[in-house]
Amino acid sequence: MDTVTLRGSERAVLPGARQLAPADPSQRMQVSVIVRRGSLQDLQKRVAALGSATRSGDYLSREEFAKRYSAGASDLEAVRAFAAAQGLAVVEQHAARRTVVLSGTVAQFSAAFAVQLHRMAHAGGGYRGRIGAIQLPAELDGIVEAVLGLDDRPQARTHFRVRPTGTAKRRPGAAAPVSYEPTQVAALYGFPAGTGQGECVALIELGGGFRPADLSTYFAGLGVGSPTVTAVSVDGGSNSPTGDANGPDGEVMLDIEMVGAIAPQTTIVAYFAPNTDAGFLDAITTAIHDTNNRPSVISISWGGAESTWTSQAMTAMDEAFQAAATMGITVCIASGDNGSSDGESSGDHVDFPASSPYALACGGTSLQASKTAIASEVVWNDGASGGASGGGVSSFFAAPSWQAGLSASNSQGKSIPLAKRGVPDVAGDADPETGYDVRIDGTDTVIGGTSAVAPLWAALIARVNQATAKSAGYLNPTLYKNPQALRDITQGTNGDYDATAGWDACTGLGSPNGKLLGDIL
């Protein structure tokens, strides 16, 4: 069989991991095959038109999008024929998502894609790994854009931080810790009135779960109505609370409680998937193309440094966000909690998927209030624990048109013109020392991190959508043309970048000015 290398599919061993033995050839597994989109050039023109609009563009319904831009029937048939020839079963096929999910054994997939799969040992947990590139049969060259799930390493991490208790060291000169209910922060930012009625917010979750009893207790304590919360299983993921507030339960509960407190009549749908590149993408595309729940906003608080992703996975996810943009779905994504390094051992990095130009990347601030007004707001940077607003310049994505002419100010005082996508776009309170009162696994606690900022913005958009009776959708072009609708943050640093007047690589355009945002969206 003649084969070609799948571009962008190269994988390396995780730093610190070691190869143990070949993976069990009889182990069953699933792989997601991403097929090219029909009418790709037309879709890109449509997205570019949205990017040049001052206000929300002419969005397509999910049904209209599927008619125009689904994968071609002949391409899907080519993948099915290949699978049958290799003894692989088709578990699921979705033309609008461009996804064919295949099932088989390690031995079958190894032969089908000419890869060697091994059991790998790693401090963060063992995984099934591969090294090098994936090979495709020549007849699928140009048809298949990505093959995800052969390697099942944990692809993303959460972006929340529980406030330390007891005598944990605090940063020098820091104000006394405070905490807020989400509704208090919404009021400080001047969110427009509303409950999010009629809107649906999707949450992407890669582990953990929620307990309805905790949610009932929490929302009753706030004196707001309980939102409708449902769980959708993707690729075998499920609502599975671990009982560990510091684990993924903390992420799931924080996301739900932030959105539900601020927009209590919003329908919240949590899409649970495995923490792999395939699971992450499949959860996102399932939410985008969900014709039952029809979310108008997606909140994502998981991610990892761009350097930890394959380019095939980043491209596939970026194209999914392009689809969301054409359908008027706002995608809010946490920019990370590890400052300009994004937790990598050397150099500056930005977090993906927040670095996609079709995401609203959400950075972090430290917020101090005086009664019902904001007293001060600076870049979140906790030198004691290393937590800081994620931000910087992408190494993968070109600078979008709406960031033309902008510069990032580094810690040496130099202004560096953006040659590639700058992160974040916006910000909000994320400092655990000025964090949010939440309830996780039966315990009341205080949490911060940019994981709180993505659902904060998602809840804001749900309120705006309710008030305007339309979808705000792809916000970035409008926000960059109307920076006065945000609170510019001009003090602080996230490591190698400093806050400045205007956009910066710490807090983007700034935190919400709810009333003015409501006027422009």
Protein backbone atom coordinates (compact mmCIF):
# COMPACT_ATOMS: atom_id res chain seq x y z
CA MET A 1 0.00 0.00 0.00
CA ASP A 2 1.43 3.37 -1.05
CA THR A 3 1.45 5.77 1.86
CA VAL A 4 2.00 9.48 2.50
CA THR A 5 2.89 11.31 5.71
CA LEU A 6 -0.01 13.11 7.39
CA ARG A 7 1.25 16.67 7.70
CA GLY A 8 1.44 18.03 11.21
CA SER A 9 0.95 14.65 12.90
CA GLU A 10 4.43 14.30 14.42
CA ARG A 11 4.48 13.34 18.10
CA ALA A 12 7.38 13.35 20.57
CA VAL A 13 7.67 11.71 23.96
CA LEU A 14 6.41 13.84 26.83
CA PRO A 15 9.33 15.41 28.73
CA GLY A 16 10.31 13.08 31.55
CA ALA A 17 8.40 10.11 30.12
CA ARG A 18 9.99 6.76 29.36
CA GLN A 19 8.99 3.91 27.12
CA LEU A 20 8.02 0.74 28.99
CA ALA A 21 6.87 -1.79 26.41
CA PRO A 22 4.78 -2.11 23.26
CA ALA A 23 1.10 -1.44 23.88
CA ASP A 24 -1.08 -4.54 24.27
CA PRO A 25 -1.92 -5.44 20.65
CA SER A 26 -5.37 -6.72 21.68
CA GLN A 27 -6.35 -3.55 23.57
CA ARG A 28 -9.41 -1.93 22.02
CA MET A 29 -9.40 1.78 21.32
CA GLN A 30 -11.16 4.51 19.35
CA VAL A 31 -9.69 7.05 16.96
CA SER A 32 -11.28 10.16 15.45
CA VAL A 33 -10.56 10.82 11.79
CA ILE A 34 -11.14 14.42 10.68
CA VAL A 35 -12.08 14.85 7.02
CA ARG A 36 -11.64 17.99 4.94
CA ARG A 37 -14.55 20.39 4.73
CA GLY A 38 -16.53 20.95 1.58
CA SER A 39 -16.41 24.51 0.21
CA LEU A 40 -13.53 25.47 2.51
CA GLN A 41 -12.63 28.62 0.57
CA ASP A 42 -16.21 29.87 0.73
CA LEU A 43 -16.27 29.27 4.49
CA GLN A 44 -13.03 31.20 4.95
CA LYS A 45 -14.45 34.12 2.96
CA ARG A 46 -17.56 34.10 5.16
CA VAL A 47 -15.46 34.14 8.34
CA ALA A 48 -13.29 36.95 6.95
CA ALA A 49 -16.45 38.96 6.29
CA LEU A 50 -17.48 38.50 9.91
CA GLY A 51 -14.04 39.69 10.93
CA SER A 52 -14.45 42.96 9.06
CA ALA A 53 -17.92 43.71 10.42
CA THR A 54 -18.42 46.30 13.15
CA ARG A 55 -21.31 44.38 14.65
CA SER A 56 -22.47 40.78 14.57
CA GLY A 57 -22.57 39.43 11.05
CA ASP A 58 -25.03 37.35 9.12
CA TYR A 59 -24.83 34.10 11.06
CA LEU A 60 -25.96 30.74 9.73
CA SER A 61 -28.18 28.28 11.55
CA ARG A 62 -26.69 24.90 12.35
CA GLU A 63 -28.87 23.35 9.67
CA GLU A 64 -27.79 25.90 7.04
CA PHE A 65 -24.16 25.40 7.97
CA ALA A 66 -24.48 21.62 7.61
CA LYS A 67 -25.98 21.99 4.11
CA ARG A 68 -23.17 24.26 2.92
CA TYR A 69 -20.05 23.09 4.71
CA SER A 70 -20.29 19.44 5.71
CA ALA A 71 -17.71 16.90 4.66
CA GLY A 72 -18.38 15.46 1.21
CA ALA A 73 -20.18 12.13 0.92
CA SER A 74 -17.45 10.67 -1.29
CA ASP A 75 -14.75 11.66 1.23
CA LEU A 76 -16.63 10.00 4.07
CA GLU A 77 -17.13 6.89 1.93
CA ALA A 78 -13.37 6.77 1.24
CA VAL A 79 -12.66 6.71 4.98
CA ARG A 80 -15.27 4.00 5.54
CA ALA A 81 -13.77 1.89 2.75
CA PHE A 82 -10.30 2.27 4.23
CA ALA A 83 -11.63 1.28 7.67
CA ALA A 84 -13.34 -1.82 6.29
CA ALA A 85 -10.15 -2.88 4.51
CA GLN A 86 -8.25 -2.60 7.79
CA GLY A 87 -10.89 -4.42 9.86
CA LEU A 88 -11.85 -1.26 11.74
CA ALA A 89 -15.45 -0.54 12.72
CA VAL A 90 -17.21 2.80 12.18
CA VAL A 91 -18.63 3.81 15.56
CA GLU A 92 -19.94 7.21 14.53
CA GLN A 93 -20.01 9.47 11.50
CA HIS A 94 -21.03 13.13 11.51
CA ALA A 95 -20.76 15.07 8.26
CA ALA A 96 -21.09 18.57 9.75
CA ARG A 97 -18.42 17.76 12.37
CA ARG A 98 -16.31 16.17 9.58
CA THR A 99 -15.63 13.32 11.98
CA VAL A 100 -15.54 9.55 11.57
CA VAL A 101 -14.91 7.67 14.82
CA LEU A 102 -13.28 4.27 14.28
CA SER A 103 -12.91 1.35 16.68
CA GLY A 104 -10.39 -1.47 16.62
CA THR A 105 -7.40 -2.96 18.38
CA VAL A 106 -3.95 -1.52 18.93
CA ALA A 107 -2.61 -3.99 16.37
CA GLN A 108 -5.18 -2.95 13.76
CA PHE A 109 -4.59 0.77 14.21
CA SER A 110 -0.82 0.31 14.26
CA ALA A 111 -0.99 -1.43 10.91
CA ALA A 112 -3.57 0.96 9.44
CA PHE A 113 -1.53 4.09 10.17
CA ALA A 114 1.99 2.62 10.22
CA VAL A 115 2.73 3.66 13.81
CA GLN A 116 4.29 1.97 16.82
CA LEU A 117 2.22 2.38 19.98
CA HIS A 118 3.91 1.95 23.37
CA ARG A 119 3.02 2.09 27.03
CA MET A 120 4.70 5.16 28.47
CA ALA A 121 5.50 5.95 32.10
CA HIS A 122 5.14 9.58 33.20
CA ALA A 123 4.91 11.36 36.52
CA GLY A 124 1.57 12.82 35.49
CA GLY A 125 0.20 9.35 34.69
CA GLY A 126 0.96 6.63 32.17
CA TYR A 127 -0.33 6.82 28.63
CA ARG A 128 -0.36 5.06 25.31
CA GLY A 129 2.09 6.94 23.12
CA ARG A 130 3.60 7.11 19.69
CA ILE A 131 6.69 8.79 18.25
CA GLY A 132 6.94 10.33 14.82
CA ALA A 133 4.33 10.89 12.12
CA ILE A 134 1.18 9.08 11.01
CA GLN A 135 1.10 7.49 7.56
CA LEU A 136 -2.02 7.55 5.37
CA PRO A 137 -2.84 5.47 2.32
CA ALA A 138 -2.22 7.56 -0.79
CA GLU A 139 -5.93 7.56 -1.67
CA LEU A 140 -6.70 9.51 1.54
CA ASP A 141 -4.06 12.17 0.93
CA GLY A 142 -5.79 15.55 1.05
CA ILE A 143 -9.03 13.99 2.30
CA VAL A 144 -7.99 13.29 5.89
CA GLU A 145 -6.76 16.33 7.82
CA ALA A 146 -6.18 14.77 11.24
CA VAL A 147 -6.09 11.40 12.99
CA LEU A 148 -6.52 11.87 16.73
CA GLY A 149 -6.58 9.45 19.65
CA LEU A 150 -3.83 7.01 18.72
CA ASP A 151 -1.81 8.70 21.46
CA ASP A 152 -3.97 9.12 24.57
CA ARG A 153 -1.70 11.30 26.73
CA PRO A 154 -3.53 13.90 28.85
CA GLN A 155 -3.77 16.80 26.42
CA ALA A 156 -4.95 19.63 28.67
CA ARG A 157 -4.88 20.86 32.24
CA THR A 158 -7.38 22.84 34.26
CA HIS A 159 -6.83 26.56 34.85
CA PHE A 160 -8.17 27.07 38.36
CA ARG A 161 -6.40 27.59 41.67
CA VAL A 162 -7.81 26.97 45.12
CA ARG A 163 -6.83 29.66 47.59
CA PRO A 164 -4.20 28.30 50.01
CA THR A 165 -5.38 27.94 53.59
CA GLY A 166 -3.59 28.28 56.91
CA THR A 167 -0.17 29.91 57.02
CA ALA A 168 0.68 29.54 53.34
CA LYS A 169 3.08 32.26 52.23
CA ARG A 170 1.46 35.23 50.53
CA ARG A 171 3.14 37.63 48.14
CA PRO A 172 4.85 40.59 49.82
CA GLY A 173 2.77 43.74 50.09
CA ALA A 174 -0.42 42.00 49.04
CA ALA A 175 -3.72 43.28 50.40
CA ALA A 176 -5.66 41.11 52.82
CA PRO A 177 -7.48 38.27 51.04
CA VAL A 178 -11.08 38.86 50.06
CA SER A 179 -13.62 36.76 48.24
CA TYR A 180 -16.71 37.48 46.20
CA GLU A 181 -19.86 35.76 45.15
CA PRO A 182 -20.02 35.63 41.34
CA THR A 183 -23.02 37.96 41.44
CA GLN A 184 -20.96 40.57 43.29
CA VAL A 185 -18.27 40.54 40.60
CA ALA A 186 -20.93 40.80 37.90
CA ALA A 187 -22.31 43.87 39.68
CA LEU A 188 -18.86 45.42 40.06
CA TYR A 189 -18.32 45.02 36.33
CA GLY A 190 -21.74 46.53 35.60
CA PHE A 191 -23.21 43.52 33.85
CA PRO A 192 -26.54 44.36 32.20
CA ALA A 193 -29.63 43.06 33.99
CA GLY A 194 -30.82 39.64 32.99
CA THR A 195 -31.01 35.99 33.87
CA GLY A 196 -29.90 34.42 30.59
CA GLN A 197 -33.40 33.09 29.99
CA GLY A 198 -33.68 31.33 26.67
CA GLU A 199 -29.91 30.94 26.29
CA CYS A 200 -27.78 27.79 26.49
CA VAL A 201 -24.16 27.81 27.66
CA ALA A 202 -21.97 24.80 26.84
CA LEU A 203 -19.15 23.78 29.18
CA ILE A 204 -16.35 21.55 27.89
CA GLU A 205 -15.13 19.20 30.64
CA LEU A 206 -12.32 16.64 30.37
CA GLY A 207 -12.85 14.85 33.67
CA GLY A 208 -14.52 15.08 37.05
CA GLY A 209 -18.16 15.86 37.57
CA PHE A 210 -20.85 17.59 39.59
CA ARG A 211 -23.31 16.55 42.27
CA PRO A 212 -26.81 18.06 41.96
CA ALA A 213 -27.12 18.30 45.74
CA ASP A 214 -24.07 20.58 45.89
CA LEU A 215 -25.52 22.78 43.18
CA SER A 216 -28.87 23.04 44.94
CA THR A 217 -27.18 24.03 48.20
CA TYR A 218 -24.95 26.57 46.50
CA PHE A 219 -27.60 28.36 44.49
CA ALA A 220 -30.03 28.36 47.40
CA GLY A 221 -27.36 30.07 49.49
CA LEU A 222 -27.00 32.76 46.84
CA GLY A 223 -30.74 33.28 46.71
CA VAL A 224 -30.90 32.76 42.95
CA GLY A 225 -32.87 30.17 41.07
CA SER A 226 -31.11 26.96 40.16
CA PRO A 227 -30.24 26.68 36.45
CA THR A 228 -31.03 23.60 34.44
CA VAL A 229 -27.82 21.56 34.24
CA THR A 230 -27.44 18.48 32.07
CA ALA A 231 -24.52 16.28 31.07
CA VAL A 232 -23.72 15.00 27.57
CA SER A 233 -21.38 12.04 27.10
CA VAL A 234 -18.77 12.29 24.33
CA ASP A 235 -16.42 9.42 23.43
CA GLY A 236 -17.35 7.60 26.63
CA GLY A 237 -16.78 10.55 28.97
CA SER A 238 -19.31 11.04 31.74
CA ASN A 239 -20.28 13.09 34.76
CA SER A 240 -18.05 11.28 37.27
CA PRO A 241 -17.25 13.25 40.44
CA THR A 242 -13.94 12.19 42.00
CA GLY A 243 -14.49 13.65 45.46
CA ASP A 244 -11.29 15.70 45.13
CA ALA A 245 -11.96 19.44 45.15
CA ASN A 246 -8.42 20.06 43.88
CA GLY A 247 -8.98 17.77 40.92
CA PRO A 248 -11.24 18.12 37.89
CA ASP A 249 -14.35 18.37 40.10
CA GLY A 250 -13.11 21.83 41.02
CA GLU A 251 -13.17 22.81 37.35
CA VAL A 252 -16.59 21.40 36.61
CA MET A 253 -18.25 22.91 39.68
CA LEU A 254 -16.55 26.29 39.24
CA ASP A 255 -17.74 26.49 35.62
CA ILE A 256 -21.33 25.60 36.50
CA GLU A 257 -21.53 27.83 39.57
CA MET A 258 -20.05 30.86 37.81
CA VAL A 259 -22.48 30.68 34.89
CA GLY A 260 -25.46 29.60 37.00
CA ALA A 261 -25.03 32.32 39.63
CA ILE A 262 -24.83 35.15 37.08
CA ALA A 263 -27.33 33.77 34.54
CA PRO A 264 -29.57 31.48 36.64
CA GLN A 265 -32.19 30.88 33.94
CA THR A 266 -29.62 29.79 31.39
CA THR A 267 -29.60 26.15 30.37
CA ILE A 268 -26.14 24.76 31.15
CA VAL A 269 -24.91 21.69 29.25
CA ALA A 270 -21.64 20.06 30.29
CA TYR A 271 -20.03 17.98 27.54
CA PHE A 272 -17.83 15.35 29.20
CA ALA A 273 -15.05 13.74 27.18
CA PRO A 274 -11.72 11.98 27.80
CA ASN A 275 -8.72 14.27 28.30
CA THR A 276 -7.08 13.47 24.95
CA ASP A 277 -6.69 15.46 21.76
CA ALA A 278 -9.51 13.42 20.22
CA GLY A 279 -11.80 13.79 23.22
CA PHE A 280 -11.19 17.53 23.50
CA LEU A 281 -11.96 18.19 19.82
CA ASP A 282 -14.94 15.84 19.76
CA ALA A 283 -16.50 17.55 22.80
CA ILE A 284 -16.11 20.95 21.15
CA THR A 285 -17.53 19.90 17.78
CA THR A 286 -20.39 18.06 19.50
CA ALA A 287 -21.34 21.26 21.33
CA ILE A 288 -20.98 23.43 18.23
CA HIS A 289 -23.20 21.18 16.11
CA ASP A 290 -25.69 20.20 18.85
CA THR A 291 -29.08 20.75 17.19
CA ASN A 292 -30.92 19.73 20.36
CA ASN A 293 -29.45 22.04 23.02
CA ARG A 294 -28.19 24.72 20.57
CA PRO A 295 -25.67 26.51 22.82
CA SER A 296 -25.05 30.15 21.90
CA VAL A 297 -21.95 30.37 24.10
CA ILE A 298 -19.19 27.83 24.82
CA SER A 299 -16.93 28.15 27.87
CA ILE A 300 -13.62 26.25 27.98
CA SER A 301 -11.31 26.31 30.99
CA TRP A 302 -8.84 23.63 29.85
CA GLY A 303 -5.74 23.94 27.71
CA GLY A 304 -2.02 23.46 27.31
CA ALA A 305 0.98 25.23 25.84
CA GLU A 306 0.99 25.31 22.04
CA SER A 307 4.26 23.35 22.11
CA THR A 308 2.43 20.33 23.60
CA TRP A 309 0.00 20.03 20.67
CA THR A 310 0.40 18.59 17.20
CA SER A 311 -0.28 21.08 14.44
CA GLN A 312 -2.94 18.74 12.98
CA ALA A 313 -4.89 18.97 16.25
CA MET A 314 -4.55 22.75 16.54
CA THR A 315 -5.63 23.22 12.93
CA ALA A 316 -8.65 20.94 13.34
CA MET A 317 -9.77 22.74 16.50
CA ASP A 318 -9.19 26.17 14.99
CA GLU A 319 -11.36 25.17 12.03
CA ALA A 320 -14.06 24.07 14.50
CA PHE A 321 -13.98 27.54 16.04
CA GLN A 322 -14.28 29.05 12.56
CA ALA A 323 -17.46 27.02 12.17
CA ALA A 324 -18.69 28.34 15.52
CA ALA A 325 -18.02 31.90 14.35
CA THR A 326 -20.17 31.45 11.24
CA MET A 327 -23.03 30.19 13.42
CA GLY A 328 -22.86 33.06 15.90
CA ILE A 329 -21.50 30.99 18.79
CA THR A 330 -19.21 32.85 21.17
CA VAL A 331 -16.29 30.73 22.42
CA CYS A 332 -14.72 31.92 25.70
CA ILE A 333 -11.45 30.21 26.68
CA ALA A 334 -9.16 30.60 29.70
CA SER A 335 -5.68 31.87 28.78
CA GLY A 336 -3.84 29.90 31.49
CA ASP A 337 -2.58 30.41 35.04
CA ASN A 338 1.19 30.27 34.58
CA GLY A 339 2.05 33.69 33.23
CA SER A 340 4.18 34.20 30.13
CA SER A 341 5.82 30.76 30.41
CA ASP A 342 2.50 28.87 30.45
CA GLY A 343 4.19 26.41 32.80
CA GLU A 344 6.88 25.30 30.35
CA SER A 345 10.47 24.96 31.57
CA SER A 346 11.97 27.53 29.21
CA GLY A 347 10.88 30.35 26.95
CA ASP A 348 7.57 32.12 26.52
CA HIS A 349 4.46 30.19 25.50
CA VAL A 350 0.76 30.81 25.08
CA ASP A 351 -2.02 28.40 25.88
CA PHE A 352 -4.07 26.61 23.25
CA PRO A 353 -6.98 26.56 22.44
CA ALA A 354 -7.13 30.14 23.82
CA SER A 355 -4.61 31.16 21.14
CA SER A 356 -7.02 30.38 18.30
CA PRO A 357 -7.98 33.66 16.61
CA TYR A 358 -11.61 32.52 16.74
CA ALA A 359 -11.59 32.22 20.54
CA LEU A 360 -12.18 34.99 23.05
CA ALA A 361 -9.05 34.44 25.16
CA CYS A 362 -9.70 35.34 28.81
CA GLY A 363 -6.82 36.51 31.03
CA GLY A 364 -6.76 37.33 34.74
CA THR A 365 -6.71 40.30 37.10
CA SER A 366 -6.60 40.95 40.82
CA LEU A 367 -9.71 42.90 41.81
CA GLN A 368 -10.18 45.01 44.93
CA ALA A 369 -13.55 46.58 45.72
CA SER A 370 -14.68 49.38 47.98
CA LYS A 371 -18.31 48.63 48.85
CA THR A 372 -20.04 48.48 45.46
CA ALA A 373 -17.28 49.99 43.32
CA ILE A 374 -13.95 48.78 41.98
CA ALA A 375 -11.11 50.30 44.01
CA SER A 376 -8.24 48.85 41.99
CA GLU A 377 -7.58 46.23 39.35
CA VAL A 378 -4.16 45.03 38.22
CA VAL A 379 -2.67 42.05 36.41
CA TRP A 380 -3.00 38.87 38.44
CA ASN A 381 0.49 37.73 39.39
CA ASP A 382 1.05 35.79 42.58
CA GLY A 383 4.81 35.60 42.96
CA ALA A 384 4.45 33.30 45.97
CA SER A 385 2.79 30.45 44.07
CA GLY A 386 3.75 31.29 40.51
CA GLY A 387 0.15 31.87 39.45
CA ALA A 388 -0.30 34.64 36.90
CA SER A 389 -2.44 35.61 33.93
CA GLY A 390 -1.48 33.62 30.86
CA GLY A 391 -0.55 35.71 27.85
CA GLY A 392 1.97 36.37 25.15
CA VAL A 393 2.39 35.83 21.42
CA SER A 394 1.45 32.67 19.54
CA SER A 395 4.12 30.69 17.73
CA PHE A 396 1.52 29.06 15.45
CA PHE A 397 -1.29 31.44 14.47
CA ALA A 398 -0.84 34.54 12.33
CA ALA A 399 -1.93 37.87 13.77
CA PRO A 400 -5.61 38.39 12.88
CA SER A 401 -6.65 41.54 11.04
CA TRP A 402 -8.25 43.02 14.15
CA GLN A 403 -4.88 42.94 15.96
CA ALA A 404 -3.07 44.77 13.15
CA GLY A 405 -0.78 47.51 14.44
CA LEU A 406 -0.73 46.28 18.04
CA SER A 407 2.41 45.62 20.06
CA ALA A 408 3.34 43.61 23.14
CA SER A 409 5.39 45.40 25.79
CA ASN A 410 8.04 43.15 27.33
CA SER A 411 9.55 43.41 30.79
CA GLN A 412 12.58 45.27 29.35
CA GLY A 413 10.30 48.08 28.25
CA LYS A 414 10.48 47.22 24.56
CA SER A 415 7.39 47.40 22.39
CA ILE A 416 7.28 44.41 20.02
CA PRO A 417 4.87 44.60 17.05
CA LEU A 418 2.60 41.56 16.86
CA ALA A 419 3.74 39.30 14.04
CA LYS A 420 1.44 36.54 15.30
CA ARG A 421 -1.72 36.22 17.37
CA GLY A 422 -1.55 38.04 20.71
CA VAL A 423 -3.15 36.53 23.82
CA PRO A 424 -5.38 37.30 25.73
CA ASP A 425 -8.23 39.41 24.34
CA VAL A 426 -10.02 40.29 27.58
CA ALA A 427 -9.69 39.67 31.30
CA GLY A 428 -11.52 39.45 34.60
CA ASP A 429 -10.93 38.72 38.26
CA ALA A 430 -8.79 35.55 38.58
CA ASP A 431 -6.56 36.04 41.64
CA PRO A 432 -7.30 33.38 44.30
CA GLU A 433 -6.62 36.11 46.89
CA THR A 434 -9.58 38.00 45.42
CA GLY A 435 -11.36 34.83 44.32
CA TYR A 436 -14.85 33.39 44.19
CA ASP A 437 -16.91 31.67 46.85
CA VAL A 438 -17.86 28.26 45.47
CA ARG A 439 -18.94 24.85 46.70
CA ILE A 440 -16.98 21.78 45.58
CA ASP A 441 -17.68 18.20 46.71
CA GLY A 442 -19.63 19.32 49.77
CA THR A 443 -17.08 21.92 50.88
CA ASP A 444 -17.29 25.70 50.61
CA THR A 445 -14.03 27.14 49.34
CA VAL A 446 -12.49 30.05 47.41
CA ILE A 447 -11.18 29.55 43.89
CA GLY A 448 -9.41 31.74 41.34
CA GLY A 449 -7.62 31.24 38.06
CA THR A 450 -8.52 32.11 34.50
CA SER A 451 -10.88 29.13 34.66
CA ALA A 452 -13.22 31.52 36.45
CA VAL A 453 -12.90 34.21 33.79
CA ALA A 454 -14.09 32.15 30.81
CA PRO A 455 -17.46 31.28 32.44
CA LEU A 456 -17.69 34.84 33.79
CA TRP A 457 -17.58 36.15 30.23
CA ALA A 458 -19.87 33.34 29.03
CA ALA A 459 -22.50 34.38 31.58
CA LEU A 460 -22.12 38.01 30.51
CA ILE A 461 -22.72 37.06 26.88
CA ALA A 462 -25.77 35.00 27.89
CA ARG A 463 -27.23 38.11 29.53
CA VAL A 464 -26.41 40.27 26.51
CA ASN A 465 -27.94 37.72 24.13
CA GLN A 466 -31.11 37.67 26.21
CA ALA A 467 -31.33 41.46 26.23
CA THR A 468 -30.73 41.88 22.49
CA ALA A 469 -32.67 38.78 21.39
CA LYS A 470 -29.77 37.80 19.11
CA SER A 471 -26.40 36.10 19.34
CA ALA A 472 -23.38 38.30 20.01
CA GLY A 473 -21.37 35.57 18.30
CA TYR A 474 -17.83 36.23 17.10
CA LEU A 475 -16.93 39.15 19.38
CA ASN A 476 -13.27 39.82 18.72
CA PRO A 477 -13.53 42.21 15.76
CA THR A 478 -16.18 44.29 17.53
CA LEU A 479 -14.25 44.47 20.79
CA TYR A 480 -11.01 45.56 19.16
CA LYS A 481 -12.88 48.33 17.32
CA ASN A 482 -14.51 49.44 20.57
CA PRO A 483 -11.83 49.17 23.29
CA GLN A 484 -13.63 51.85 25.31
CA ALA A 485 -16.18 49.17 26.21
CA LEU A 486 -13.60 47.53 28.49
CA ARG A 487 -11.74 48.60 31.63
CA ASP A 488 -8.14 49.04 30.53
CA ILE A 489 -5.69 47.42 32.97
CA THR A 490 -2.40 49.32 32.96
CA GLN A 491 -0.51 47.99 35.98
CA GLY A 492 1.26 44.72 36.56
CA THR A 493 3.18 41.99 34.77
CA ASN A 494 2.71 38.31 33.97
CA GLY A 495 6.43 37.58 33.83
CA ASP A 496 7.98 38.63 30.53
CA TYR A 497 5.17 41.00 29.53
CA ASP A 498 3.91 44.18 31.17
CA ALA A 499 0.51 45.80 31.24
CA THR A 500 0.26 49.03 29.24
CA ALA A 501 -2.39 51.45 28.07
CA GLY A 502 -4.43 49.71 25.39
CA TRP A 503 -4.07 46.04 24.50
CA ASP A 504 -1.32 44.12 26.27
CA ALA A 505 -0.19 40.51 26.58
CA CYS A 506 -1.31 40.27 30.22
CA THR A 507 -4.98 41.30 30.23
CA GLY A 508 -5.74 42.02 26.58
CA LEU A 509 -8.14 44.93 26.14
CA GLY A 510 -9.13 44.74 29.79
CA SER A 511 -11.98 43.61 32.03
CA PRO A 512 -15.70 44.06 31.31
CA ASN A 513 -17.51 47.36 31.37
CA GLY A 514 -20.88 45.68 31.23
CA LYS A 515 -23.06 48.63 30.30
CA LEU A 516 -20.87 49.75 27.42
CA LEU A 517 -20.46 46.18 26.19
CA GLY A 518 -24.22 45.83 26.13
CA ASP A 519 -24.40 48.94 23.95
CA ILE A 520 -21.99 47.69 21.26
CA LEU A 521 -22.98 44.02 21.00
